[in-house]
Amino acid sequence: MHVGWVTAKTEQFHFEGAPPKAYISSQGVQRTFCEYCGTALTWQKEGNSEIDVTLASFHCSEDFPPSDELWTTHRPAWDLPDHRLKQWLEDFPD
């Protein structure tokens, strides 16, 4: 049920090899995905200097331990919170 994301500065992140396919998923939001299997790779809001990258996209995902849980208002009843992490009802505050 969880999707781990790593947030990075746009200028500090790049894909190796061919760039993924991109599409506008909603006004001002671009997502990328693998053109072969359809796996979601990134999420970025237009004009934002940061990009969110799915944790599974990295070869070394263990290098990025979680620090927060977002959108906890949508947590299924069976998905217990990890109290070691900061909890956010929705997204990070602006």
PDB file of N, CA and C in Angstrom:
ATOM      1  N   MET A   1       0.816  -1.183   0.000  1.00  0.00           N
ATOM      2  CA  MET A   1       0.000   0.000   0.000  1.00  0.00           C
ATOM      3  C   MET A   1       0.864   1.252   0.000  1.00  0.00           C
ATOM      4  N   HIS A   2       2.046   1.149   0.525  1.00  0.00           N
ATOM      5  CA  HIS A   2       2.919   2.314   0.612  1.00  0.00           C
ATOM      6  C   HIS A   2       3.709   2.488  -0.677  1.00  0.00           C
ATOM      7  N   VAL A   3       3.903   3.740  -1.026  1.00  0.00           N
ATOM      8  CA  VAL A   3       4.825   4.083  -2.106  1.00  0.00           C
ATOM      9  C   VAL A   3       5.850   5.019  -1.490  1.00  0.00           C
ATOM     10  N   GLY A   4       7.095   4.599  -1.484  1.00  0.00           N
ATOM     11  CA  GLY A   4       8.158   5.433  -0.944  1.00  0.00           C
ATOM     12  C   GLY A   4       8.629   6.427  -1.995  1.00  0.00           C
ATOM     13  N   TRP A   5       8.812   7.668  -1.585  1.00  0.00           N
ATOM     14  CA  TRP A   5       9.287   8.722  -2.478  1.00  0.00           C
ATOM     15  C   TRP A   5      10.521   9.371  -1.887  1.00  0.00           C
ATOM     16  N   VAL A   6      11.435   9.762  -2.743  1.00  0.00           N
ATOM     17  CA  VAL A   6      12.614  10.537  -2.361  1.00  0.00           C
ATOM     18  C   VAL A   6      12.469  11.888  -3.020  1.00  0.00           C
ATOM     19  N   THR A   7      12.589  12.959  -2.255  1.00  0.00           N
ATOM     20  CA  THR A   7      12.520  14.307  -2.804  1.00  0.00           C
ATOM     21  C   THR A   7      13.941  14.822  -2.988  1.00  0.00           C
ATOM     22  N   ALA A   8      14.224  15.306  -4.189  1.00  0.00           N
ATOM     23  CA  ALA A   8      15.564  15.806  -4.516  1.00  0.00           C
ATOM     24  C   ALA A   8      15.448  17.146  -5.231  1.00  0.00           C
ATOM     25  N   LYS A   9      16.483  17.934  -5.138  1.00  0.00           N
ATOM     26  CA  LYS A   9      16.561  19.157  -5.932  1.00  0.00           C
ATOM     27  C   LYS A   9      16.673  18.742  -7.392  1.00  0.00           C
ATOM     28  N   THR A  10      15.916  19.400  -8.251  1.00  0.00           N
ATOM     29  CA  THR A  10      15.885  19.040  -9.671  1.00  0.00           C
ATOM     30  C   THR A  10      17.272  19.023 -10.283  1.00  0.00           C
ATOM     31  N   GLU A  11      18.098  20.002  -9.944  1.00  0.00           N
ATOM     32  CA  GLU A  11      19.437  20.073 -10.547  1.00  0.00           C
ATOM     33  C   GLU A  11      20.384  18.985 -10.028  1.00  0.00           C
ATOM     34  N   GLN A  12      19.992  18.294  -8.961  1.00  0.00           N
ATOM     35  CA  GLN A  12      20.838  17.235  -8.412  1.00  0.00           C
ATOM     36  C   GLN A  12      20.374  15.837  -8.836  1.00  0.00           C
ATOM     37  N   PHE A  13      19.371  15.770  -9.708  1.00  0.00           N
ATOM     38  CA  PHE A  13      18.815  14.479 -10.098  1.00  0.00           C
ATOM     39  C   PHE A  13      18.817  14.341 -11.611  1.00  0.00           C
ATOM     40  N   HIS A  14      19.170  13.159 -12.081  1.00  0.00           N
ATOM     41  CA  HIS A  14      19.049  12.853 -13.511  1.00  0.00           C
ATOM     42  C   HIS A  14      18.909  11.345 -13.675  1.00  0.00           C
ATOM     43  N   PHE A  15      18.314  10.949 -14.789  1.00  0.00           N
ATOM     44  CA  PHE A  15      18.211   9.534 -15.118  1.00  0.00           C
ATOM     45  C   PHE A  15      19.437   9.123 -15.910  1.00  0.00           C
ATOM     46  N   GLU A  16      19.886   7.904 -15.699  1.00  0.00           N
ATOM     47  CA  GLU A  16      20.953   7.346 -16.520  1.00  0.00           C
ATOM     48  C   GLU A  16      20.297   6.699 -17.736  1.00  0.00           C
ATOM     49  N   GLY A  17      20.896   6.848 -18.889  1.00  0.00           N
ATOM     50  CA  GLY A  17      20.324   6.266 -20.099  1.00  0.00           C
ATOM     51  C   GLY A  17      19.247   7.156 -20.685  1.00  0.00           C
ATOM     52  N   ALA A  18      18.372   6.547 -21.443  1.00  0.00           N
ATOM     53  CA  ALA A  18      17.306   7.292 -22.107  1.00  0.00           C
ATOM     54  C   ALA A  18      16.324   7.873 -21.092  1.00  0.00           C
ATOM     55  N   PRO A  19      15.840   9.080 -21.330  1.00  0.00           N
ATOM     56  CA  PRO A  19      14.870   9.660 -20.397  1.00  0.00           C
ATOM     57  C   PRO A  19      13.540   8.908 -20.452  1.00  0.00           C
ATOM     58  N   PRO A  20      12.807   8.890 -19.345  1.00  0.00           N
ATOM     59  CA  PRO A  20      11.512   8.205 -19.326  1.00  0.00           C
ATOM     60  C   PRO A  20      10.465   9.006 -20.095  1.00  0.00           C
ATOM     61  N   LYS A  21       9.330   8.402 -20.321  1.00  0.00           N
ATOM     62  CA  LYS A  21       8.195   9.077 -20.932  1.00  0.00           C
ATOM     63  C   LYS A  21       7.545   9.974 -19.882  1.00  0.00           C
ATOM     64  N   ALA A  22       6.989  11.102 -20.334  1.00  0.00           N
ATOM     65  CA  ALA A  22       6.374  12.055 -19.420  1.00  0.00           C
ATOM     66  C   ALA A  22       4.957  12.378 -19.874  1.00  0.00           C
ATOM     67  N   TYR A  23       4.128  12.745 -18.915  1.00  0.00           N
ATOM     68  CA  TYR A  23       2.787  13.228 -19.230  1.00  0.00           C
ATOM     69  C   TYR A  23       2.331  14.193 -18.142  1.00  0.00           C
ATOM     70  N   ILE A  24       1.400  15.071 -18.501  1.00  0.00           N
ATOM     71  CA  ILE A  24       0.810  16.000 -17.548  1.00  0.00           C
ATOM     72  C   ILE A  24      -0.384  15.275 -16.921  1.00  0.00           C
ATOM     73  N   SER A  25      -0.280  14.961 -15.626  1.00  0.00           N
ATOM     74  CA  SER A  25      -1.332  14.172 -14.972  1.00  0.00           C
ATOM     75  C   SER A  25      -2.465  15.046 -14.447  1.00  0.00           C
ATOM     76  N   SER A  26      -2.169  16.280 -14.150  1.00  0.00           N
ATOM     77  CA  SER A  26      -3.170  17.261 -13.742  1.00  0.00           C
ATOM     78  C   SER A  26      -2.545  18.625 -13.991  1.00  0.00           C
ATOM     79  N   GLN A  27      -3.331  19.668 -13.886  1.00  0.00           N
ATOM     80  CA  GLN A  27      -2.818  20.999 -14.209  1.00  0.00           C
ATOM     81  C   GLN A  27      -1.549  21.303 -13.411  1.00  0.00           C
ATOM     82  N   GLY A  28      -0.451  21.543 -14.136  1.00  0.00           N
ATOM     83  CA  GLY A  28       0.800  21.925 -13.505  1.00  0.00           C
ATOM     84  C   GLY A  28       1.602  20.789 -12.904  1.00  0.00           C
ATOM     85  N   VAL A  29       1.214  19.538 -13.137  1.00  0.00           N
ATOM     86  CA  VAL A  29       1.934  18.398 -12.565  1.00  0.00           C
ATOM     87  C   VAL A  29       2.383  17.467 -13.686  1.00  0.00           C
ATOM     88  N   GLN A  30       3.684  17.201 -13.718  1.00  0.00           N
ATOM     89  CA  GLN A  30       4.225  16.252 -14.688  1.00  0.00           C
ATOM     90  C   GLN A  30       4.676  14.990 -13.966  1.00  0.00           C
ATOM     91  N   ARG A  31       4.339  13.858 -14.547  1.00  0.00           N
ATOM     92  CA  ARG A  31       4.781  12.559 -14.047  1.00  0.00           C
ATOM     93  C   ARG A  31       5.576  11.881 -15.140  1.00  0.00           C
ATOM     94  N   THR A  32       6.513  11.036 -14.730  1.00  0.00           N
ATOM     95  CA  THR A  32       7.231  10.226 -15.710  1.00  0.00           C
ATOM     96  C   THR A  32       7.028   8.758 -15.373  1.00  0.00           C
ATOM     97  N   PHE A  33       7.247   7.915 -16.394  1.00  0.00           N
ATOM     98  CA  PHE A  33       7.048   6.481 -16.233  1.00  0.00           C
ATOM     99  C   PHE A  33       7.930   5.726 -17.217  1.00  0.00           C
ATOM    100  N   CYS A  34       8.155   4.454 -16.938  1.00  0.00           N
ATOM    101  CA  CYS A  34       8.907   3.583 -17.833  1.00  0.00           C
ATOM    102  C   CYS A  34       8.028   3.257 -19.033  1.00  0.00           C
ATOM    103  N   GLU A  35       8.539   3.506 -20.238  1.00  0.00           N
ATOM    104  CA  GLU A  35       7.731   3.255 -21.431  1.00  0.00           C
ATOM    105  C   GLU A  35       7.530   1.764 -21.709  1.00  0.00           C
ATOM    106  N   TYR A  36       8.314   0.901 -21.079  1.00  0.00           N
ATOM    107  CA  TYR A  36       8.207  -0.534 -21.334  1.00  0.00           C
ATOM    108  C   TYR A  36       7.258  -1.247 -20.377  1.00  0.00           C
ATOM    109  N   CYS A  37       7.319  -0.898 -19.094  1.00  0.00           N
ATOM    110  CA  CYS A  37       6.474  -1.608 -18.123  1.00  0.00           C
ATOM    111  C   CYS A  37       5.412  -0.720 -17.476  1.00  0.00           C
ATOM    112  N   GLY A  38       5.516   0.595 -17.648  1.00  0.00           N
ATOM    113  CA  GLY A  38       4.524   1.504 -17.099  1.00  0.00           C
ATOM    114  C   GLY A  38       4.760   1.928 -15.660  1.00  0.00           C
ATOM    115  N   THR A  39       5.861   1.504 -15.065  1.00  0.00           N
ATOM    116  CA  THR A  39       6.146   1.851 -13.676  1.00  0.00           C
ATOM    117  C   THR A  39       6.267   3.359 -13.499  1.00  0.00           C
ATOM    118  N   ALA A  40       5.577   3.898 -12.492  1.00  0.00           N
ATOM    119  CA  ALA A  40       5.686   5.322 -12.163  1.00  0.00           C
ATOM    120  C   ALA A  40       7.096   5.608 -11.648  1.00  0.00           C
ATOM    121  N   LEU A  41       7.665   6.723 -12.089  1.00  0.00           N
ATOM    122  CA  LEU A  41       9.029   7.065 -11.692  1.00  0.00           C
ATOM    123  C   LEU A  41       9.131   8.384 -10.938  1.00  0.00           C
ATOM    124  N   THR A  42       8.513   9.460 -11.459  1.00  0.00           N
ATOM    125  CA  THR A  42       8.643  10.761 -10.807  1.00  0.00           C
ATOM    126  C   THR A  42       7.337  11.528 -10.798  1.00  0.00           C
ATOM    127  N   TRP A  43       7.305  12.553  -9.947  1.00  0.00           N
ATOM    128  CA  TRP A  43       6.200  13.498  -9.846  1.00  0.00           C
ATOM    129  C   TRP A  43       6.828  14.862  -9.632  1.00  0.00           C
ATOM    130  N   GLN A  44       6.409  15.861 -10.416  1.00  0.00           N
ATOM    131  CA  GLN A  44       6.969  17.200 -10.236  1.00  0.00           C
ATOM    132  C   GLN A  44       5.923  18.256 -10.578  1.00  0.00           C
ATOM    133  N   LYS A  45       5.796  19.217  -9.682  1.00  0.00           N
ATOM    134  CA  LYS A  45       4.895  20.341  -9.904  1.00  0.00           C
ATOM    135  C   LYS A  45       5.636  21.395 -10.722  1.00  0.00           C
ATOM    136  N   GLU A  46       4.950  21.956 -11.705  1.00  0.00           N
ATOM    137  CA  GLU A  46       5.530  22.971 -12.578  1.00  0.00           C
ATOM    138  C   GLU A  46       6.095  24.129 -11.754  1.00  0.00           C
ATOM    139  N   GLY A  47       7.331  24.524 -12.099  1.00  0.00           N
ATOM    140  CA  GLY A  47       7.965  25.636 -11.415  1.00  0.00           C
ATOM    141  C   GLY A  47       8.615  25.281 -10.092  1.00  0.00           C
ATOM    142  N   ASN A  48       8.476  24.026  -9.656  1.00  0.00           N
ATOM    143  CA  ASN A  48       9.065  23.600  -8.383  1.00  0.00           C
ATOM    144  C   ASN A  48      10.518  23.194  -8.612  1.00  0.00           C
ATOM    145  N   SER A  49      11.385  23.547  -7.689  1.00  0.00           N
ATOM    146  CA  SER A  49      12.805  23.206  -7.807  1.00  0.00           C
ATOM    147  C   SER A  49      13.116  21.816  -7.279  1.00  0.00           C
ATOM    148  N   GLU A  50      12.072  21.082  -6.851  1.00  0.00           N
ATOM    149  CA  GLU A  50      12.256  19.723  -6.348  1.00  0.00           C
ATOM    150  C   GLU A  50      11.469  18.741  -7.207  1.00  0.00           C
ATOM    151  N   ILE A  51      11.931  17.504  -7.202  1.00  0.00           N
ATOM    152  CA  ILE A  51      11.263  16.422  -7.917  1.00  0.00           C
ATOM    153  C   ILE A  51      11.127  15.246  -6.953  1.00  0.00           C
ATOM    154  N   ASP A  52       9.981  14.580  -6.977  1.00  0.00           N
ATOM    155  CA  ASP A  52       9.758  13.387  -6.161  1.00  0.00           C
ATOM    156  C   ASP A  52       9.998  12.170  -7.043  1.00  0.00           C
ATOM    157  N   VAL A  53      10.833  11.266  -6.547  1.00  0.00           N
ATOM    158  CA  VAL A  53      11.238  10.079  -7.298  1.00  0.00           C
ATOM    159  C   VAL A  53      10.822   8.856  -6.497  1.00  0.00           C
ATOM    160  N   THR A  54      10.192   7.881  -7.155  1.00  0.00           N
ATOM    161  CA  THR A  54       9.790   6.682  -6.427  1.00  0.00           C
ATOM    162  C   THR A  54      11.027   5.954  -5.906  1.00  0.00           C
ATOM    163  N   LEU A  55      10.959   5.537  -4.676  1.00  0.00           N
ATOM    164  CA  LEU A  55      12.077   4.873  -4.012  1.00  0.00           C
ATOM    165  C   LEU A  55      12.530   3.634  -4.772  1.00  0.00           C
ATOM    166  N   ALA A  56      11.583   2.915  -5.353  1.00  0.00           N
ATOM    167  CA  ALA A  56      11.922   1.694  -6.084  1.00  0.00           C
ATOM    168  C   ALA A  56      12.741   1.969  -7.345  1.00  0.00           C
ATOM    169  N   SER A  57      12.853   3.238  -7.749  1.00  0.00           N
ATOM    170  CA  SER A  57      13.642   3.597  -8.934  1.00  0.00           C
ATOM    171  C   SER A  57      15.148   3.544  -8.682  1.00  0.00           C
ATOM    172  N   PHE A  58      15.536   3.529  -7.425  1.00  0.00           N
ATOM    173  CA  PHE A  58      16.947   3.570  -7.065  1.00  0.00           C
ATOM    174  C   PHE A  58      17.529   2.162  -6.898  1.00  0.00           C
ATOM    175  N   HIS A  59      18.771   1.996  -7.273  1.00  0.00           N
ATOM    176  CA  HIS A  59      19.467   0.722  -7.048  1.00  0.00           C
ATOM    177  C   HIS A  59      19.752   0.515  -5.565  1.00  0.00           C
ATOM    178  N   CYS A  60      19.850   1.623  -4.824  1.00  0.00           N
ATOM    179  CA  CYS A  60      20.243   1.555  -3.409  1.00  0.00           C
ATOM    180  C   CYS A  60      19.156   2.163  -2.535  1.00  0.00           C
ATOM    181  N   SER A  61      17.948   1.632  -2.609  1.00  0.00           N
ATOM    182  CA  SER A  61      16.822   2.214  -1.877  1.00  0.00           C
ATOM    183  C   SER A  61      17.043   2.227  -0.364  1.00  0.00           C
ATOM    184  N   GLU A  62      17.871   1.330   0.147  1.00  0.00           N
ATOM    185  CA  GLU A  62      18.136   1.305   1.595  1.00  0.00           C
ATOM    186  C   GLU A  62      18.904   2.545   2.054  1.00  0.00           C
ATOM    187  N   ASP A  63      19.448   3.316   1.118  1.00  0.00           N
ATOM    188  CA  ASP A  63      20.150   4.563   1.468  1.00  0.00           C
ATOM    189  C   ASP A  63      19.183   5.702   1.782  1.00  0.00           C
ATOM    190  N   PHE A  64      17.885   5.473   1.631  1.00  0.00           N
ATOM    191  CA  PHE A  64      16.888   6.517   1.820  1.00  0.00           C
ATOM    192  C   PHE A  64      15.816   6.074   2.818  1.00  0.00           C
ATOM    193  N   PRO A  65      16.156   5.991   4.103  1.00  0.00           N
ATOM    194  CA  PRO A  65      15.149   5.589   5.082  1.00  0.00           C
ATOM    195  C   PRO A  65      14.059   6.656   5.205  1.00  0.00           C
ATOM    196  N   PRO A  66      12.826   6.260   5.515  1.00  0.00           N
ATOM    197  CA  PRO A  66      11.740   7.239   5.606  1.00  0.00           C
ATOM    198  C   PRO A  66      11.888   8.160   6.809  1.00  0.00           C
ATOM    199  N   SER A  67      11.358   9.376   6.660  1.00  0.00           N
ATOM    200  CA  SER A  67      11.347  10.332   7.767  1.00  0.00           C
ATOM    201  C   SER A  67       9.939  10.835   8.065  1.00  0.00           C
ATOM    202  N   ASP A  68       9.009  10.642   7.123  1.00  0.00           N
ATOM    203  CA  ASP A  68       7.646  11.134   7.269  1.00  0.00           C
ATOM    204  C   ASP A  68       6.664  10.149   6.637  1.00  0.00           C
ATOM    205  N   GLU A  69       5.410  10.255   7.075  1.00  0.00           N
ATOM    206  CA  GLU A  69       4.298   9.568   6.401  1.00  0.00           C
ATOM    207  C   GLU A  69       3.286  10.644   6.008  1.00  0.00           C
ATOM    208  N   LEU A  70       2.998  10.720   4.705  1.00  0.00           N
ATOM    209  CA  LEU A  70       2.088  11.728   4.183  1.00  0.00           C
ATOM    210  C   LEU A  70       0.720  11.134   3.876  1.00  0.00           C
ATOM    211  N   TRP A  71      -0.263  12.015   3.787  1.00  0.00           N
ATOM    212  CA  TRP A  71      -1.619  11.633   3.391  1.00  0.00           C
ATOM    213  C   TRP A  71      -2.197  10.538   4.299  1.00  0.00           C
ATOM    214  N   THR A  72      -1.945  10.671   5.587  1.00  0.00           N
ATOM    215  CA  THR A  72      -2.394   9.640   6.520  1.00  0.00           C
ATOM    216  C   THR A  72      -3.914   9.612   6.668  1.00  0.00           C
ATOM    217  N   THR A  73      -4.615  10.662   6.209  1.00  0.00           N
ATOM    218  CA  THR A  73      -6.086  10.640   6.234  1.00  0.00           C
ATOM    219  C   THR A  73      -6.633   9.584   5.291  1.00  0.00           C
ATOM    220  N   HIS A  74      -5.812   9.106   4.370  1.00  0.00           N
ATOM    221  CA  HIS A  74      -6.238   8.093   3.414  1.00  0.00           C
ATOM    222  C   HIS A  74      -5.735   6.693   3.791  1.00  0.00           C
ATOM    223  N   ARG A  75      -5.179   6.571   4.985  1.00  0.00           N
ATOM    224  CA  ARG A  75      -4.630   5.293   5.430  1.00  0.00           C
ATOM    225  C   ARG A  75      -5.751   4.277   5.691  1.00  0.00           C
ATOM    226  N   PRO A  76      -5.664   3.095   5.114  1.00  0.00           N
ATOM    227  CA  PRO A  76      -6.660   2.059   5.438  1.00  0.00           C
ATOM    228  C   PRO A  76      -6.558   1.677   6.919  1.00  0.00           C
ATOM    229  N   ALA A  77      -7.647   1.252   7.505  1.00  0.00           N
ATOM    230  CA  ALA A  77      -7.679   0.928   8.939  1.00  0.00           C
ATOM    231  C   ALA A  77      -6.638  -0.119   9.317  1.00  0.00           C
ATOM    232  N   TRP A  78      -6.322  -1.049   8.417  1.00  0.00           N
ATOM    233  CA  TRP A  78      -5.373  -2.112   8.715  1.00  0.00           C
ATOM    234  C   TRP A  78      -3.915  -1.654   8.616  1.00  0.00           C
ATOM    235  N   ASP A  79      -3.674  -0.461   8.074  1.00  0.00           N
ATOM    236  CA  ASP A  79      -2.311   0.051   7.877  1.00  0.00           C
ATOM    237  C   ASP A  79      -1.923   0.908   9.081  1.00  0.00           C
ATOM    238  N   LEU A  80      -1.245   0.309  10.023  1.00  0.00           N
ATOM    239  CA  LEU A  80      -0.914   1.002  11.265  1.00  0.00           C
ATOM    240  C   LEU A  80       0.200   2.029  11.056  1.00  0.00           C
ATOM    241  N   PRO A  81       0.104   3.171  11.743  1.00  0.00           N
ATOM    242  CA  PRO A  81       1.137   4.203  11.591  1.00  0.00           C
ATOM    243  C   PRO A  81       2.470   3.766  12.197  1.00  0.00           C
ATOM    244  N   ASP A  82       3.536   4.277  11.636  1.00  0.00           N
ATOM    245  CA  ASP A  82       4.869   4.073  12.185  1.00  0.00           C
ATOM    246  C   ASP A  82       5.159   5.301  13.048  1.00  0.00           C
ATOM    247  N   HIS A  83       5.029   5.167  14.350  1.00  0.00           N
ATOM    248  CA  HIS A  83       5.147   6.303  15.262  1.00  0.00           C
ATOM    249  C   HIS A  83       6.560   6.860  15.369  1.00  0.00           C
ATOM    250  N   ARG A  84       7.516   6.208  14.736  1.00  0.00           N
ATOM    251  CA  ARG A  84       8.870   6.759  14.691  1.00  0.00           C
ATOM    252  C   ARG A  84       8.977   7.878  13.664  1.00  0.00           C
ATOM    253  N   LEU A  85       7.962   7.980  12.791  1.00  0.00           N
ATOM    254  CA  LEU A  85       7.984   8.948  11.699  1.00  0.00           C
ATOM    255  C   LEU A  85       7.017  10.093  11.953  1.00  0.00           C
ATOM    256  N   LYS A  86       7.349  11.266  11.423  1.00  0.00           N
ATOM    257  CA  LYS A  86       6.441  12.412  11.489  1.00  0.00           C
ATOM    258  C   LYS A  86       5.213  12.093  10.640  1.00  0.00           C
ATOM    259  N   GLN A  87       4.031  12.362  11.183  1.00  0.00           N
ATOM    260  CA  GLN A  87       2.774  12.060  10.510  1.00  0.00           C
ATOM    261  C   GLN A  87       2.159  13.351   9.955  1.00  0.00           C
ATOM    262  N   TRP A  88       1.739  13.322   8.711  1.00  0.00           N
ATOM    263  CA  TRP A  88       1.074  14.453   8.067  1.00  0.00           C
ATOM    264  C   TRP A  88      -0.292  13.979   7.579  1.00  0.00           C
ATOM    265  N   LEU A  89      -1.356  14.702   7.936  1.00  0.00           N
ATOM    266  CA  LEU A  89      -2.695  14.320   7.504  1.00  0.00           C
ATOM    267  C   LEU A  89      -2.820  14.312   5.990  1.00  0.00           C
ATOM    268  N   GLU A  90      -2.167  15.276   5.353  1.00  0.00           N
ATOM    269  CA  GLU A  90      -2.160  15.328   3.893  1.00  0.00           C
ATOM    270  C   GLU A  90      -0.724  15.547   3.441  1.00  0.00           C
ATOM    271  N   ASP A  91      -0.471  16.566   2.653  1.00  0.00           N
ATOM    272  CA  ASP A  91       0.869  16.838   2.162  1.00  0.00           C
ATOM    273  C   ASP A  91       1.616  17.714   3.166  1.00  0.00           C
ATOM    274  N   PHE A  92       2.893  17.911   2.928  1.00  0.00           N
ATOM    275  CA  PHE A  92       3.667  18.845   3.736  1.00  0.00           C
ATOM    276  C   PHE A  92       3.013  20.221   3.656  1.00  0.00           C
ATOM    277  N   PRO A  93       3.023  20.998   4.742  1.00  0.00           N
ATOM    278  CA  PRO A  93       2.456  22.359   4.653  1.00  0.00           C
ATOM    279  C   PRO A  93       3.326  23.238   3.733  1.00  0.00           C
ATOM    280  N   ASP A  94       2.667  24.173   3.056  1.00  0.00           N
ATOM    281  CA  ASP A  94       3.412  25.096   2.167  1.00  0.00           C
ATOM    282  C   ASP A  94       4.188  26.116   2.944  1.00  0.00           C
TER     283      ASP A  94
END
